[in-house]
């Protein structure tokens, strides 16, 4: 007599199999999610640490951190990025401290940063001239992507295309000519925030409507879509009232338009001799319909020009 399965035994096996498969799937899905969540959590921490270190490196080398624009700024954003329409500079509180007053908090960090001095020899005399470059951190949206019905928010770092020399060095014609011949075309009086054009004949001209041409790129190369072994993740800046982490923490929220401040808050307090800049960043990761976040707050102390 041939051995085999009866119809009843087959039906029972199929019934058991149909019960086990969903359980196995749920367990495996849970393992994948946990692995991805752990990877994203670690990545968020590293991304935020690198952001803060980059910002700190710029701030400690700053001559001036501004609470108003020094001139017309042309950000020259990359394709598919648009500056948020609610971005604003903080208000410097010279007699204040932290936590800051909410109405003085901004989400733009704009500064003139010291560069290595340029050395110019004119008529046997060598001059060391201070040079500056403008740096701006601000929020933009990635209009080429959509996450949960929103364009992701990205922190951008922008720097001036040109180097600016200190105006005090541009009072000698021969020195101005030498600077012009090195490719430097502009000078700035940081004390009064005035711009000047250097000419090949050694003359200088005041530029009342000077436009600072900037180059803008994401402040972290990790922003945007990233492929982990466990799936695709999109890293971005947190947005107001997302529920995962308090946003904002220091500013008064404005939820109209592109919202303010989102996950980037800046406050400035103290006199020029010992100015403190508070920086808060909230970075989030989107994956499989889930969101994880990481926040980092630091205070950077630096004397100002």
C-alpha atoms as a PDB file:
ATOM      1  CA  UNK A   1       0.000   0.000   0.000  1.00  0.00           C
ATOM      2  CA  UNK A   2       1.416   3.418  -0.977  1.00  0.00           C
ATOM      3  CA  UNK A   3       2.036   5.910   1.825  1.00  0.00           C
ATOM      4  CA  UNK A   4       0.970   9.568   1.462  1.00  0.00           C
ATOM      5  CA  UNK A   5      -1.104  12.383   2.849  1.00  0.00           C
ATOM      6  CA  UNK A   6      -4.798  12.228   3.164  1.00  0.00           C
ATOM      7  CA  UNK A   7      -6.876  15.160   2.009  1.00  0.00           C
ATOM      8  CA  UNK A   8      -7.601  16.065   5.623  1.00  0.00           C
ATOM      9  CA  UNK A   9      -3.886  16.062   6.492  1.00  0.00           C
ATOM     10  CA  UNK A  10      -3.138  18.354   3.533  1.00  0.00           C
ATOM     11  CA  UNK A  11      -5.875  20.759   4.541  1.00  0.00           C
ATOM     12  CA  UNK A  12      -4.584  20.852   8.123  1.00  0.00           C
ATOM     13  CA  UNK A  13      -1.009  21.467   6.885  1.00  0.00           C
ATOM     14  CA  UNK A  14      -2.163  24.310   4.650  1.00  0.00           C
ATOM     15  CA  UNK A  15      -4.149  25.830   7.514  1.00  0.00           C
ATOM     16  CA  UNK A  16      -1.123  25.716   9.843  1.00  0.00           C
ATOM     17  CA  UNK A  17       1.136  27.074   7.107  1.00  0.00           C
ATOM     18  CA  UNK A  18      -1.212  30.003   6.466  1.00  0.00           C
ATOM     19  CA  UNK A  19      -1.086  30.880  10.163  1.00  0.00           C
ATOM     20  CA  UNK A  20       2.691  30.630  10.470  1.00  0.00           C
ATOM     21  CA  UNK A  21       3.615  32.689   7.370  1.00  0.00           C
ATOM     22  CA  UNK A  22       2.148  36.024   8.636  1.00  0.00           C
ATOM     23  CA  UNK A  23       3.894  35.528  11.974  1.00  0.00           C
ATOM     24  CA  UNK A  24       7.230  34.862  10.277  1.00  0.00           C
ATOM     25  CA  UNK A  25       6.696  37.898   8.038  1.00  0.00           C
ATOM     26  CA  UNK A  26       5.888  40.153  10.991  1.00  0.00           C
ATOM     27  CA  UNK A  27       8.935  38.945  12.898  1.00  0.00           C
ATOM     28  CA  UNK A  28      11.252  39.448   9.920  1.00  0.00           C
ATOM     29  CA  UNK A  29       9.703  42.854   9.213  1.00  0.00           C
ATOM     30  CA  UNK A  30      10.261  43.811  12.849  1.00  0.00           C
ATOM     31  CA  UNK A  31      13.905  42.742  12.672  1.00  0.00           C
ATOM     32  CA  UNK A  32      14.464  44.774   9.480  1.00  0.00           C
ATOM     33  CA  UNK A  33      12.756  47.821  11.014  1.00  0.00           C
ATOM     34  CA  UNK A  34      14.795  47.572  14.211  1.00  0.00           C
ATOM     35  CA  UNK A  35      18.026  47.237  12.237  1.00  0.00           C
ATOM     36  CA  UNK A  36      17.146  50.224  10.039  1.00  0.00           C
ATOM     37  CA  UNK A  37      16.069  52.294  13.047  1.00  0.00           C
ATOM     38  CA  UNK A  38      19.365  51.583  14.799  1.00  0.00           C
ATOM     39  CA  UNK A  39      21.338  52.547  11.666  1.00  0.00           C
ATOM     40  CA  UNK A  40      19.317  55.736  11.149  1.00  0.00           C
ATOM     41  CA  UNK A  41      19.655  56.727  14.815  1.00  0.00           C
ATOM     42  CA  UNK A  42      23.442  56.424  14.602  1.00  0.00           C
ATOM     43  CA  UNK A  43      23.578  58.290  11.295  1.00  0.00           C
ATOM     44  CA  UNK A  44      21.424  61.134  12.648  1.00  0.00           C
ATOM     45  CA  UNK A  45      23.747  61.583  15.601  1.00  0.00           C
ATOM     46  CA  UNK A  46      26.815  61.685  13.350  1.00  0.00           C
ATOM     47  CA  UNK A  47      25.195  64.061  10.840  1.00  0.00           C
ATOM     48  CA  UNK A  48      24.183  66.470  13.595  1.00  0.00           C
ATOM     49  CA  UNK A  49      27.616  66.341  15.223  1.00  0.00           C
ATOM     50  CA  UNK A  50      29.263  67.154  11.884  1.00  0.00           C
ATOM     51  CA  UNK A  51      26.827  70.027  11.298  1.00  0.00           C
ATOM     52  CA  UNK A  52      27.559  71.585  14.676  1.00  0.00           C
ATOM     53  CA  UNK A  53      31.313  71.174  14.187  1.00  0.00           C
ATOM     54  CA  UNK A  54      31.125  72.834  10.759  1.00  0.00           C
ATOM     55  CA  UNK A  55      29.099  75.753  12.126  1.00  0.00           C
ATOM     56  CA  UNK A  56      31.394  76.095  15.142  1.00  0.00           C
ATOM     57  CA  UNK A  57      34.487  76.116  12.911  1.00  0.00           C
ATOM     58  CA  UNK A  58      33.047  79.033  10.913  1.00  0.00           C
ATOM     59  CA  UNK A  59      31.815  80.992  13.941  1.00  0.00           C
ATOM     60  CA  UNK A  60      35.095  80.836  15.900  1.00  0.00           C
ATOM     61  CA  UNK A  61      36.826  82.328  12.841  1.00  0.00           C
ATOM     62  CA  UNK A  62      34.237  85.071  12.390  1.00  0.00           C
ATOM     63  CA  UNK A  63      35.051  88.767  12.552  1.00  0.00           C
ATOM     64  CA  UNK A  64      31.390  89.748  12.743  1.00  0.00           C
ATOM     65  CA  UNK A  65      28.139  87.803  13.169  1.00  0.00           C
ATOM     66  CA  UNK A  66      25.303  89.954  11.835  1.00  0.00           C
ATOM     67  CA  UNK A  67      21.692  90.555  12.758  1.00  0.00           C
ATOM     68  CA  UNK A  68      21.021  92.424   9.501  1.00  0.00           C
ATOM     69  CA  UNK A  69      22.242  91.941   5.944  1.00  0.00           C
ATOM     70  CA  UNK A  70      25.276  94.029   5.015  1.00  0.00           C
ATOM     71  CA  UNK A  71      24.178  94.374   1.388  1.00  0.00           C
ATOM     72  CA  UNK A  72      22.138  92.668  -1.292  1.00  0.00           C
ATOM     73  CA  UNK A  73      22.752  88.913  -1.054  1.00  0.00           C
ATOM     74  CA  UNK A  74      22.417  86.658  -4.100  1.00  0.00           C
ATOM     75  CA  UNK A  75      22.355  83.105  -2.718  1.00  0.00           C
ATOM     76  CA  UNK A  76      22.581  81.325  -6.111  1.00  0.00           C
ATOM     77  CA  UNK A  77      20.775  78.210  -4.907  1.00  0.00           C
ATOM     78  CA  UNK A  78      21.230  74.891  -6.732  1.00  0.00           C
ATOM     79  CA  UNK A  79      18.434  73.563  -8.929  1.00  0.00           C
ATOM     80  CA  UNK A  80      15.380  72.268  -6.995  1.00  0.00           C
ATOM     81  CA  UNK A  81      16.180  74.293  -3.845  1.00  0.00           C
ATOM     82  CA  UNK A  82      14.223  77.347  -2.684  1.00  0.00           C
ATOM     83  CA  UNK A  83      14.938  79.468   0.395  1.00  0.00           C
ATOM     84  CA  UNK A  84      12.119  79.313   2.964  1.00  0.00           C
ATOM     85  CA  UNK A  85       9.966  82.436   2.872  1.00  0.00           C
ATOM     86  CA  UNK A  86       9.895  82.755   6.676  1.00  0.00           C
ATOM     87  CA  UNK A  87      13.663  82.681   7.256  1.00  0.00           C
ATOM     88  CA  UNK A  88      14.915  85.583   9.368  1.00  0.00           C
ATOM     89  CA  UNK A  89      18.045  86.791  11.124  1.00  0.00           C
ATOM     90  CA  UNK A  90      18.263  86.794  14.928  1.00  0.00           C
ATOM     91  CA  UNK A  91      18.333  90.045  16.906  1.00  0.00           C
ATOM     92  CA  UNK A  92      21.530  90.584  18.899  1.00  0.00           C
ATOM     93  CA  UNK A  93      20.796  91.125  22.591  1.00  0.00           C
ATOM     94  CA  UNK A  94      23.964  92.775  23.926  1.00  0.00           C
ATOM     95  CA  UNK A  95      22.742  92.776  27.534  1.00  0.00           C
ATOM     96  CA  UNK A  96      20.886  89.467  27.399  1.00  0.00           C
ATOM     97  CA  UNK A  97      21.689  85.875  28.265  1.00  0.00           C
ATOM     98  CA  UNK A  98      20.320  82.406  27.565  1.00  0.00           C
ATOM     99  CA  UNK A  99      17.688  81.071  27.290  1.00  0.00           C
ATOM    100  CA  UNK A 100      17.013  83.817  24.742  1.00  0.00           C
ATOM    101  CA  UNK A 101      13.959  86.011  24.437  1.00  0.00           C
ATOM    102  CA  UNK A 102      11.718  84.240  21.870  1.00  0.00           C
ATOM    103  CA  UNK A 103      11.231  87.311  19.669  1.00  0.00           C
ATOM    104  CA  UNK A 104      15.020  87.689  19.262  1.00  0.00           C
ATOM    105  CA  UNK A 105      15.586  84.160  17.911  1.00  0.00           C
ATOM    106  CA  UNK A 106      16.203  83.657  14.184  1.00  0.00           C
ATOM    107  CA  UNK A 107      17.029  80.807  11.815  1.00  0.00           C
ATOM    108  CA  UNK A 108      19.765  82.414   9.704  1.00  0.00           C
ATOM    109  CA  UNK A 109      23.435  82.595  10.708  1.00  0.00           C
ATOM    110  CA  UNK A 110      25.268  85.240   8.662  1.00  0.00           C
ATOM    111  CA  UNK A 111      28.874  86.257   9.292  1.00  0.00           C
ATOM    112  CA  UNK A 112      32.094  87.699   7.884  1.00  0.00           C
ATOM    113  CA  UNK A 113      34.796  85.077   8.393  1.00  0.00           C
ATOM    114  CA  UNK A 114      38.529  85.716   8.689  1.00  0.00           C
ATOM    115  CA  UNK A 115      40.692  84.127   6.005  1.00  0.00           C
ATOM    116  CA  UNK A 116      44.469  83.826   6.010  1.00  0.00           C
ATOM    117  CA  UNK A 117      45.934  87.313   5.480  1.00  0.00           C
ATOM    118  CA  UNK A 118      47.251  88.101   2.026  1.00  0.00           C
ATOM    119  CA  UNK A 119      50.887  89.228   1.831  1.00  0.00           C
ATOM    120  CA  UNK A 120      51.693  91.946  -0.703  1.00  0.00           C
ATOM    121  CA  UNK A 121      55.106  93.554  -1.266  1.00  0.00           C
ATOM    122  CA  UNK A 122      55.015  97.107  -2.608  1.00  0.00           C
ATOM    123  CA  UNK A 123      58.123  99.257  -3.057  1.00  0.00           C
ATOM    124  CA  UNK A 124      60.153  96.933  -0.848  1.00  0.00           C
ATOM    125  CA  UNK A 125      57.621  96.881   1.991  1.00  0.00           C
ATOM    126  CA  UNK A 126      55.609  93.730   2.728  1.00  0.00           C
ATOM    127  CA  UNK A 127      52.031  94.184   3.957  1.00  0.00           C
ATOM    128  CA  UNK A 128      49.850  91.560   5.669  1.00  0.00           C
ATOM    129  CA  UNK A 129      46.244  92.425   4.883  1.00  0.00           C
ATOM    130  CA  UNK A 130      43.188  90.928   6.570  1.00  0.00           C
ATOM    131  CA  UNK A 131      40.793  89.127   4.232  1.00  0.00           C
ATOM    132  CA  UNK A 132      37.210  88.022   4.735  1.00  0.00           C
ATOM    133  CA  UNK A 133      34.586  85.835   3.171  1.00  0.00           C
ATOM    134  CA  UNK A 134      30.875  85.959   3.942  1.00  0.00           C
ATOM    135  CA  UNK A 135      29.248  82.764   5.250  1.00  0.00           C
ATOM    136  CA  UNK A 136      25.519  82.139   5.600  1.00  0.00           C
ATOM    137  CA  UNK A 137      23.605  79.187   7.059  1.00  0.00           C
ATOM    138  CA  UNK A 138      19.898  79.133   6.221  1.00  0.00           C
ATOM    139  CA  UNK A 139      17.013  76.784   5.465  1.00  0.00           C
ATOM    140  CA  UNK A 140      15.774  75.809   2.009  1.00  0.00           C
ATOM    141  CA  UNK A 141      13.249  73.271   0.743  1.00  0.00           C
ATOM    142  CA  UNK A 142      14.032  70.514  -1.699  1.00  0.00           C
ATOM    143  CA  UNK A 143      11.317  71.078  -4.299  1.00  0.00           C
ATOM    144  CA  UNK A 144      12.418  67.983  -6.190  1.00  0.00           C
ATOM    145  CA  UNK A 145      11.309  65.633  -3.395  1.00  0.00           C
ATOM    146  CA  UNK A 146       8.170  65.076  -1.357  1.00  0.00           C
ATOM    147  CA  UNK A 147       8.005  63.317   2.010  1.00  0.00           C
ATOM    148  CA  UNK A 148       4.649  62.918   3.733  1.00  0.00           C
ATOM    149  CA  UNK A 149       3.194  65.555   1.412  1.00  0.00           C
ATOM    150  CA  UNK A 150       5.906  68.130   2.228  1.00  0.00           C
ATOM    151  CA  UNK A 151       9.076  69.296   0.521  1.00  0.00           C
ATOM    152  CA  UNK A 152      11.927  68.274   2.850  1.00  0.00           C
ATOM    153  CA  UNK A 153      13.797  71.114   4.594  1.00  0.00           C
ATOM    154  CA  UNK A 154      17.567  71.261   4.124  1.00  0.00           C
ATOM    155  CA  UNK A 155      20.170  73.352   5.970  1.00  0.00           C
ATOM    156  CA  UNK A 156      22.300  75.179   3.410  1.00  0.00           C
ATOM    157  CA  UNK A 157      25.769  76.675   3.764  1.00  0.00           C
ATOM    158  CA  UNK A 158      26.541  79.576   1.464  1.00  0.00           C
ATOM    159  CA  UNK A 159      29.827  81.440   1.047  1.00  0.00           C
ATOM    160  CA  UNK A 160      30.779  84.499  -0.978  1.00  0.00           C
ATOM    161  CA  UNK A 161      32.394  83.779  -4.304  1.00  0.00           C
ATOM    162  CA  UNK A 162      34.887  86.600  -3.812  1.00  0.00           C
ATOM    163  CA  UNK A 163      37.391  87.482  -1.105  1.00  0.00           C
ATOM    164  CA  UNK A 164      37.101  90.915   0.524  1.00  0.00           C
ATOM    165  CA  UNK A 165      40.126  92.779   1.908  1.00  0.00           C
ATOM    166  CA  UNK A 166      40.102  95.147   4.840  1.00  0.00           C
ATOM    167  CA  UNK A 167      39.335  98.704   3.724  1.00  0.00           C
ATOM    168  CA  UNK A 168      42.174 100.183   5.799  1.00  0.00           C
ATOM    169  CA  UNK A 169      44.641  98.510   3.430  1.00  0.00           C
ATOM    170  CA  UNK A 170      43.152 100.098   0.321  1.00  0.00           C
ATOM    171  CA  UNK A 171      44.248 103.678   0.970  1.00  0.00           C
ATOM    172  CA  UNK A 172      47.529 103.462  -0.986  1.00  0.00           C
ATOM    173  CA  UNK A 173      47.267 103.459  -4.760  1.00  0.00           C
ATOM    174  CA  UNK A 174      50.199 101.126  -5.335  1.00  0.00           C
ATOM    175  CA  UNK A 175      48.799  98.690  -2.787  1.00  0.00           C
ATOM    176  CA  UNK A 176      45.377  98.789  -4.423  1.00  0.00           C
ATOM    177  CA  UNK A 177      46.993  98.067  -7.802  1.00  0.00           C
ATOM    178  CA  UNK A 178      48.882  95.113  -6.338  1.00  0.00           C
ATOM    179  CA  UNK A 179      45.737  93.730  -4.730  1.00  0.00           C
ATOM    180  CA  UNK A 180      43.834  94.148  -7.999  1.00  0.00           C
ATOM    181  CA  UNK A 181      46.547  92.229  -9.833  1.00  0.00           C
ATOM    182  CA  UNK A 182      46.088  89.268  -7.439  1.00  0.00           C
ATOM    183  CA  UNK A 183      42.418  89.071  -8.461  1.00  0.00           C
ATOM    184  CA  UNK A 184      40.910  90.882  -5.456  1.00  0.00           C
ATOM    185  CA  UNK A 185      38.215  93.332  -6.551  1.00  0.00           C
ATOM    186  CA  UNK A 186      36.493  94.473  -3.352  1.00  0.00           C
ATOM    187  CA  UNK A 187      37.215  95.871   0.091  1.00  0.00           C
ATOM    188  CA  UNK A 188      34.976  96.188   3.142  1.00  0.00           C
ATOM    189  CA  UNK A 189      34.961  98.506   6.128  1.00  0.00           C
ATOM    190  CA  UNK A 190      33.655  96.084   8.759  1.00  0.00           C
ATOM    191  CA  UNK A 191      33.178  98.778  11.386  1.00  0.00           C
ATOM    192  CA  UNK A 192      30.714 100.730   9.239  1.00  0.00           C
ATOM    193  CA  UNK A 193      29.740  97.890   6.880  1.00  0.00           C
ATOM    194  CA  UNK A 194      30.633  99.789   3.724  1.00  0.00           C
ATOM    195  CA  UNK A 195      31.803  98.204   0.466  1.00  0.00           C
ATOM    196  CA  UNK A 196      34.391  99.498  -2.002  1.00  0.00           C
ATOM    197  CA  UNK A 197      35.484  98.493  -5.503  1.00  0.00           C
ATOM    198  CA  UNK A 198      39.211  98.262  -6.279  1.00  0.00           C
ATOM    199  CA  UNK A 199      40.310  99.503  -9.695  1.00  0.00           C
ATOM    200  CA  UNK A 200      43.354  98.639 -11.803  1.00  0.00           C
ATOM    201  CA  UNK A 201      44.542 102.268 -11.675  1.00  0.00           C
ATOM    202  CA  UNK A 202      44.763 102.195  -7.887  1.00  0.00           C
ATOM    203  CA  UNK A 203      41.568 104.109  -7.205  1.00  0.00           C
ATOM    204  CA  UNK A 204      38.719 102.854  -5.024  1.00  0.00           C
ATOM    205  CA  UNK A 205      35.011 103.583  -5.365  1.00  0.00           C
ATOM    206  CA  UNK A 206      32.250 103.307  -2.788  1.00  0.00           C
ATOM    207  CA  UNK A 207      29.618 100.675  -3.665  1.00  0.00           C
ATOM    208  CA  UNK A 208      26.325 101.669  -2.065  1.00  0.00           C
ATOM    209  CA  UNK A 209      24.364  98.885  -3.796  1.00  0.00           C
ATOM    210  CA  UNK A 210      26.966  96.145  -3.714  1.00  0.00           C
ATOM    211  CA  UNK A 211      25.666  92.605  -4.273  1.00  0.00           C
ATOM    212  CA  UNK A 212      27.467  89.755  -2.541  1.00  0.00           C
ATOM    213  CA  UNK A 213      27.442  86.787  -4.897  1.00  0.00           C
ATOM    214  CA  UNK A 214      27.231  83.545  -2.928  1.00  0.00           C
ATOM    215  CA  UNK A 215      27.641  79.838  -3.687  1.00  0.00           C
ATOM    216  CA  UNK A 216      25.098  77.708  -1.829  1.00  0.00           C
ATOM    217  CA  UNK A 217      25.143  73.973  -1.148  1.00  0.00           C
ATOM    218  CA  UNK A 218      23.642  71.623   1.460  1.00  0.00           C
ATOM    219  CA  UNK A 219      25.535  72.026   4.743  1.00  0.00           C
ATOM    220  CA  UNK A 220      25.839  68.233   4.933  1.00  0.00           C
ATOM    221  CA  UNK A 221      26.436  65.793   2.078  1.00  0.00           C
ATOM    222  CA  UNK A 222      24.177  63.380   3.953  1.00  0.00           C
ATOM    223  CA  UNK A 223      21.051  65.477   3.347  1.00  0.00           C
ATOM    224  CA  UNK A 224      18.698  63.940   0.794  1.00  0.00           C
ATOM    225  CA  UNK A 225      18.014  60.333  -0.160  1.00  0.00           C
ATOM    226  CA  UNK A 226      20.509  57.770   1.127  1.00  0.00           C
ATOM    227  CA  UNK A 227      20.534  54.039   0.503  1.00  0.00           C
ATOM    228  CA  UNK A 228      21.240  51.915   3.565  1.00  0.00           C
ATOM    229  CA  UNK A 229      21.555  48.109   3.338  1.00  0.00           C
ATOM    230  CA  UNK A 230      18.119  47.920   4.967  1.00  0.00           C
ATOM    231  CA  UNK A 231      16.397  50.450   2.707  1.00  0.00           C
ATOM    232  CA  UNK A 232      16.202  54.075   1.537  1.00  0.00           C
ATOM    233  CA  UNK A 233      16.362  56.938   4.074  1.00  0.00           C
ATOM    234  CA  UNK A 234      15.883  60.676   3.490  1.00  0.00           C
ATOM    235  CA  UNK A 235      17.767  62.953   5.905  1.00  0.00           C
ATOM    236  CA  UNK A 236      16.530  66.510   6.429  1.00  0.00           C
ATOM    237  CA  UNK A 237      15.900  69.235   9.009  1.00  0.00           C
ATOM    238  CA  UNK A 238      12.927  68.851  11.343  1.00  0.00           C
ATOM    239  CA  UNK A 239       9.830  70.982  10.888  1.00  0.00           C
ATOM    240  CA  UNK A 240       7.566  72.834  13.320  1.00  0.00           C
ATOM    241  CA  UNK A 241       5.310  70.805  15.607  1.00  0.00           C
ATOM    242  CA  UNK A 242       6.364  67.468  14.142  1.00  0.00           C
ATOM    243  CA  UNK A 243       5.670  65.876  17.547  1.00  0.00           C
ATOM    244  CA  UNK A 244       8.831  63.798  17.792  1.00  0.00           C
ATOM    245  CA  UNK A 245      11.063  66.566  19.215  1.00  0.00           C
ATOM    246  CA  UNK A 246      10.062  70.025  20.433  1.00  0.00           C
ATOM    247  CA  UNK A 247      10.273  72.433  17.490  1.00  0.00           C
ATOM    248  CA  UNK A 248      10.667  75.249  18.199  1.00  0.00           C
ATOM    249  CA  UNK A 249      12.366  75.222  21.571  1.00  0.00           C
ATOM    250  CA  UNK A 250      13.395  78.876  21.904  1.00  0.00           C
ATOM    251  CA  UNK A 251      11.541  80.889  19.221  1.00  0.00           C
ATOM    252  CA  UNK A 252       7.901  81.820  18.780  1.00  0.00           C
ATOM    253  CA  UNK A 253       6.498  79.516  16.110  1.00  0.00           C
ATOM    254  CA  UNK A 254       5.016  80.873  12.904  1.00  0.00           C
ATOM    255  CA  UNK A 255       3.169  78.128  11.057  1.00  0.00           C
ATOM    256  CA  UNK A 256       2.128  80.181   8.053  1.00  0.00           C
ATOM    257  CA  UNK A 257       3.867  79.841   4.689  1.00  0.00           C
ATOM    258  CA  UNK A 258       7.067  77.792   4.937  1.00  0.00           C
ATOM    259  CA  UNK A 259       6.956  78.117   8.748  1.00  0.00           C
ATOM    260  CA  UNK A 260       9.467  79.494  11.217  1.00  0.00           C
ATOM    261  CA  UNK A 261      11.910  78.542  12.665  1.00  0.00           C
ATOM    262  CA  UNK A 262      11.736  74.777  11.926  1.00  0.00           C
ATOM    263  CA  UNK A 263      14.683  72.741  13.207  1.00  0.00           C
ATOM    264  CA  UNK A 264      17.328  75.476  13.080  1.00  0.00           C
ATOM    265  CA  UNK A 265      17.390  78.156  15.779  1.00  0.00           C
ATOM    266  CA  UNK A 266      19.974  80.912  16.283  1.00  0.00           C
ATOM    267  CA  UNK A 267      20.283  83.383  19.160  1.00  0.00           C
ATOM    268  CA  UNK A 268      23.044  85.920  19.853  1.00  0.00           C
ATOM    269  CA  UNK A 269      23.751  87.544  23.222  1.00  0.00           C
ATOM    270  CA  UNK A 270      26.451  89.488  25.007  1.00  0.00           C
ATOM    271  CA  UNK A 271      28.781  92.411  24.182  1.00  0.00           C
ATOM    272  CA  UNK A 272      31.191  92.316  21.246  1.00  0.00           C
ATOM    273  CA  UNK A 273      34.095  91.481  23.562  1.00  0.00           C
ATOM    274  CA  UNK A 274      32.498  88.167  24.575  1.00  0.00           C
ATOM    275  CA  UNK A 275      29.636  87.368  22.238  1.00  0.00           C
ATOM    276  CA  UNK A 276      27.745  84.084  22.624  1.00  0.00           C
ATOM    277  CA  UNK A 277      26.000  82.393  19.694  1.00  0.00           C
ATOM    278  CA  UNK A 278      23.454  79.693  20.491  1.00  0.00           C
ATOM    279  CA  UNK A 279      22.871  77.155  17.729  1.00  0.00           C
ATOM    280  CA  UNK A 280      20.198  74.434  17.804  1.00  0.00           C
ATOM    281  CA  UNK A 281      19.809  71.871  15.030  1.00  0.00           C
ATOM    282  CA  UNK A 282      17.226  69.111  14.704  1.00  0.00           C
ATOM    283  CA  UNK A 283      17.941  66.493  12.027  1.00  0.00           C
ATOM    284  CA  UNK A 284      15.383  63.863  11.059  1.00  0.00           C
ATOM    285  CA  UNK A 285      15.385  60.670   9.010  1.00  0.00           C
ATOM    286  CA  UNK A 286      12.384  59.434   6.990  1.00  0.00           C
ATOM    287  CA  UNK A 287      12.145  55.726   6.201  1.00  0.00           C
ATOM    288  CA  UNK A 288       9.296  53.283   5.608  1.00  0.00           C
ATOM    289  CA  UNK A 289       6.748  55.879   6.693  1.00  0.00           C
ATOM    290  CA  UNK A 290       8.568  56.411   9.985  1.00  0.00           C
ATOM    291  CA  UNK A 291      10.475  59.417  11.320  1.00  0.00           C
ATOM    292  CA  UNK A 292      13.395  59.483  13.759  1.00  0.00           C
ATOM    293  CA  UNK A 293      15.168  62.607  15.000  1.00  0.00           C
ATOM    294  CA  UNK A 294      18.218  63.974  16.782  1.00  0.00           C
ATOM    295  CA  UNK A 295      18.697  67.404  18.353  1.00  0.00           C
ATOM    296  CA  UNK A 296      21.892  69.218  19.245  1.00  0.00           C
ATOM    297  CA  UNK A 297      22.285  72.565  21.016  1.00  0.00           C
ATOM    298  CA  UNK A 298      25.574  74.355  21.550  1.00  0.00           C
ATOM    299  CA  UNK A 299      26.777  77.812  22.614  1.00  0.00           C
ATOM    300  CA  UNK A 300      29.827  79.235  20.857  1.00  0.00           C
ATOM    301  CA  UNK A 301      31.722  82.131  22.451  1.00  0.00           C
ATOM    302  CA  UNK A 302      33.776  84.409  20.220  1.00  0.00           C
ATOM    303  CA  UNK A 303      34.934  88.058  20.424  1.00  0.00           C
ATOM    304  CA  UNK A 304      33.715  90.231  17.564  1.00  0.00           C
ATOM    305  CA  UNK A 305      35.353  92.961  15.477  1.00  0.00           C
END
